[in-house]
Amino acid sequence: MEEKFIRNIYYYKDFYLDFFATLKPEVKKKLNWTMLLIATLDRIPVKYFKHIEGSSGLYEIRVEVGSDIYRVFSFFDKGQLVVILNGFQKKSQKTPKNEIEQAEKLKKQYFDELA
């Protein structure tokens, strides 16, 4: 069955791609599968894509492989464009504040470059 893409995914600079290059093959496969969900599903389950409370419109892409948890920050630009920012391996219950701050900074940088 052919997938119908309803969203475009854009990798901002090399932040995500550098992170992706460090991952094990099974984590890469799950991240790619999750990106496909984001690009093709009208309603993406919160288990895989969740708005970050208290942020300026950031979302986290959520992936679990075994007992390892990974997060990738993203946001929407012009409705159907999902901009992928930085990623990290989550080691505690709460998302580290410095990771959210980094994503906010990258999002601002993205929009500043468009102006």
C-alpha atoms as a PDB file:
ATOM      1  CA  MET A   1       0.000   0.000   0.000  1.00  0.00           C
ATOM      2  CA  GLU A   2       1.374   3.393  -0.987  1.00  0.00           C
ATOM      3  CA  GLU A   3       1.690   6.052   1.737  1.00  0.00           C
ATOM      4  CA  LYS A   4       0.106   9.452   1.160  1.00  0.00           C
ATOM      5  CA  PHE A   5       2.227  12.238   2.602  1.00  0.00           C
ATOM      6  CA  ILE A   6       0.227  15.016   4.263  1.00  0.00           C
ATOM      7  CA  ARG A   7       3.210  16.704   5.958  1.00  0.00           C
ATOM      8  CA  ASN A   8       6.720  17.498   4.825  1.00  0.00           C
ATOM      9  CA  ILE A   9       9.648  16.922   7.142  1.00  0.00           C
ATOM     10  CA  TYR A  10      12.586  19.314   7.084  1.00  0.00           C
ATOM     11  CA  TYR A  11      15.821  18.740   8.984  1.00  0.00           C
ATOM     12  CA  TYR A  12      17.130  22.068  10.275  1.00  0.00           C
ATOM     13  CA  LYS A  13      20.883  22.179   9.629  1.00  0.00           C
ATOM     14  CA  ASP A  14      22.690  18.991  10.793  1.00  0.00           C
ATOM     15  CA  PHE A  15      21.617  18.838  14.451  1.00  0.00           C
ATOM     16  CA  TYR A  16      19.275  15.872  14.040  1.00  0.00           C
ATOM     17  CA  LEU A  17      21.330  14.145  11.348  1.00  0.00           C
ATOM     18  CA  ASP A  18      24.479  14.281  13.515  1.00  0.00           C
ATOM     19  CA  PHE A  19      22.501  12.777  16.418  1.00  0.00           C
ATOM     20  CA  PHE A  20      20.940  10.135  14.119  1.00  0.00           C
ATOM     21  CA  ALA A  21      24.381   9.059  12.863  1.00  0.00           C
ATOM     22  CA  THR A  22      25.387   8.037  16.420  1.00  0.00           C
ATOM     23  CA  LEU A  23      22.439   5.682  16.958  1.00  0.00           C
ATOM     24  CA  LYS A  24      22.173   1.897  16.772  1.00  0.00           C
ATOM     25  CA  PRO A  25      20.452   0.471  13.648  1.00  0.00           C
ATOM     26  CA  GLU A  26      17.298  -0.570  15.554  1.00  0.00           C
ATOM     27  CA  VAL A  27      16.884   2.962  16.959  1.00  0.00           C
ATOM     28  CA  LYS A  28      17.378   4.483  13.486  1.00  0.00           C
ATOM     29  CA  LYS A  29      14.732   2.121  12.092  1.00  0.00           C
ATOM     30  CA  LYS A  30      12.211   3.090  14.799  1.00  0.00           C
ATOM     31  CA  LEU A  31      12.911   6.818  14.336  1.00  0.00           C
ATOM     32  CA  ASN A  32      12.439   6.499  10.568  1.00  0.00           C
ATOM     33  CA  TRP A  33       9.170   4.603  11.127  1.00  0.00           C
ATOM     34  CA  THR A  34       7.989   7.319  13.530  1.00  0.00           C
ATOM     35  CA  MET A  35       8.894  10.072  11.026  1.00  0.00           C
ATOM     36  CA  LEU A  36       6.776   8.217   8.452  1.00  0.00           C
ATOM     37  CA  LEU A  37       3.822   8.243  10.885  1.00  0.00           C
ATOM     38  CA  ILE A  38       4.240  11.995  11.358  1.00  0.00           C
ATOM     39  CA  ALA A  39       4.364  12.568   7.607  1.00  0.00           C
ATOM     40  CA  THR A  40       1.375  10.366   6.738  1.00  0.00           C
ATOM     41  CA  LEU A  41      -1.119  10.142   9.639  1.00  0.00           C
ATOM     42  CA  ASP A  42      -3.816  12.764  10.060  1.00  0.00           C
ATOM     43  CA  ARG A  43      -3.807  12.246  13.841  1.00  0.00           C
ATOM     44  CA  ILE A  44      -0.456  11.195  15.258  1.00  0.00           C
ATOM     45  CA  PRO A  45      -0.732   9.238  18.525  1.00  0.00           C
ATOM     46  CA  VAL A  46       0.599  11.173  21.559  1.00  0.00           C
ATOM     47  CA  LYS A  47       2.761   8.127  22.294  1.00  0.00           C
ATOM     48  CA  TYR A  48       4.932   9.185  19.323  1.00  0.00           C
ATOM     49  CA  PHE A  49       4.411  12.955  18.977  1.00  0.00           C
ATOM     50  CA  LYS A  50       3.559  15.238  21.890  1.00  0.00           C
ATOM     51  CA  HIS A  51       3.320  18.988  22.438  1.00  0.00           C
ATOM     52  CA  ILE A  52       5.711  20.214  25.148  1.00  0.00           C
ATOM     53  CA  GLU A  53       3.763  22.137  27.788  1.00  0.00           C
ATOM     54  CA  GLY A  54       5.088  25.620  28.506  1.00  0.00           C
ATOM     55  CA  SER A  55       7.062  25.790  25.244  1.00  0.00           C
ATOM     56  CA  SER A  56       6.634  28.087  22.242  1.00  0.00           C
ATOM     57  CA  GLY A  57       4.996  25.385  20.121  1.00  0.00           C
ATOM     58  CA  LEU A  58       7.680  22.708  20.421  1.00  0.00           C
ATOM     59  CA  TYR A  59       6.801  19.050  20.002  1.00  0.00           C
ATOM     60  CA  GLU A  60       8.806  16.009  20.938  1.00  0.00           C
ATOM     61  CA  ILE A  61       9.020  12.943  18.763  1.00  0.00           C
ATOM     62  CA  ARG A  62       9.063  10.021  21.178  1.00  0.00           C
ATOM     63  CA  VAL A  63      10.788   6.710  20.527  1.00  0.00           C
ATOM     64  CA  GLU A  64      11.459   3.776  22.832  1.00  0.00           C
ATOM     65  CA  VAL A  65      13.674   0.843  21.940  1.00  0.00           C
ATOM     66  CA  GLY A  66      13.953  -1.706  24.719  1.00  0.00           C
ATOM     67  CA  SER A  67      14.594   0.276  27.901  1.00  0.00           C
ATOM     68  CA  ASP A  68      16.165   3.191  26.002  1.00  0.00           C
ATOM     69  CA  ILE A  69      14.135   6.351  25.396  1.00  0.00           C
ATOM     70  CA  TYR A  70      14.910   8.940  22.716  1.00  0.00           C
ATOM     71  CA  ARG A  71      13.429  12.372  22.060  1.00  0.00           C
ATOM     72  CA  VAL A  72      13.695  14.632  19.041  1.00  0.00           C
ATOM     73  CA  PHE A  73      12.398  18.204  19.156  1.00  0.00           C
ATOM     74  CA  SER A  74      10.388  19.671  16.313  1.00  0.00           C
ATOM     75  CA  PHE A  75       7.839  22.366  15.476  1.00  0.00           C
ATOM     76  CA  PHE A  76       5.433  23.297  12.705  1.00  0.00           C
ATOM     77  CA  ASP A  77       6.107  25.978  10.118  1.00  0.00           C
ATOM     78  CA  LYS A  78       3.326  26.941   7.693  1.00  0.00           C
ATOM     79  CA  GLY A  79       1.029  24.212   9.016  1.00  0.00           C
ATOM     80  CA  GLN A  80       2.214  21.115   7.194  1.00  0.00           C
ATOM     81  CA  LEU A  81       5.993  21.512   7.411  1.00  0.00           C
ATOM     82  CA  VAL A  82       7.502  19.739  10.406  1.00  0.00           C
ATOM     83  CA  VAL A  83      10.929  21.162  11.220  1.00  0.00           C
ATOM     84  CA  ILE A  84      13.196  18.685  13.014  1.00  0.00           C
ATOM     85  CA  LEU A  85      15.682  20.134  15.486  1.00  0.00           C
ATOM     86  CA  ASN A  86      17.938  18.380  18.004  1.00  0.00           C
ATOM     87  CA  GLY A  87      17.650  14.908  19.512  1.00  0.00           C
ATOM     88  CA  PHE A  88      18.927  13.208  22.655  1.00  0.00           C
ATOM     89  CA  GLN A  89      18.704  10.009  24.676  1.00  0.00           C
ATOM     90  CA  LYS A  90      16.451  10.533  27.672  1.00  0.00           C
ATOM     91  CA  LYS A  91      17.922   9.293  30.935  1.00  0.00           C
ATOM     92  CA  SER A  92      15.465  10.714  33.491  1.00  0.00           C
ATOM     93  CA  GLN A  93      11.688  10.998  33.902  1.00  0.00           C
ATOM     94  CA  LYS A  94      11.612  14.703  33.121  1.00  0.00           C
ATOM     95  CA  THR A  95      12.911  16.171  29.855  1.00  0.00           C
ATOM     96  CA  PRO A  96      16.099  18.112  30.741  1.00  0.00           C
ATOM     97  CA  LYS A  97      15.534  21.881  30.747  1.00  0.00           C
ATOM     98  CA  ASN A  98      18.782  22.518  28.837  1.00  0.00           C
ATOM     99  CA  GLU A  99      17.552  20.306  25.951  1.00  0.00           C
ATOM    100  CA  ILE A 100      14.289  22.290  25.719  1.00  0.00           C
ATOM    101  CA  GLU A 101      16.231  25.576  25.895  1.00  0.00           C
ATOM    102  CA  GLN A 102      18.501  24.385  23.069  1.00  0.00           C
ATOM    103  CA  ALA A 103      15.448  23.512  20.936  1.00  0.00           C
ATOM    104  CA  GLU A 104      13.858  26.918  21.652  1.00  0.00           C
ATOM    105  CA  LYS A 105      17.126  28.608  20.613  1.00  0.00           C
ATOM    106  CA  LEU A 106      17.284  26.606  17.361  1.00  0.00           C
ATOM    107  CA  LYS A 107      13.638  27.387  16.577  1.00  0.00           C
ATOM    108  CA  LYS A 108      14.307  31.123  17.045  1.00  0.00           C
ATOM    109  CA  GLN A 109      17.426  30.842  14.861  1.00  0.00           C
ATOM    110  CA  TYR A 110      15.359  29.108  12.139  1.00  0.00           C
ATOM    111  CA  PHE A 111      12.789  31.920  12.019  1.00  0.00           C
ATOM    112  CA  ASP A 112      15.466  34.646  12.279  1.00  0.00           C
ATOM    113  CA  GLU A 113      17.140  33.198   9.162  1.00  0.00           C
ATOM    114  CA  LEU A 114      13.845  33.372   7.250  1.00  0.00           C
ATOM    115  CA  ALA A 115      13.306  37.065   8.109  1.00  0.00           C
END
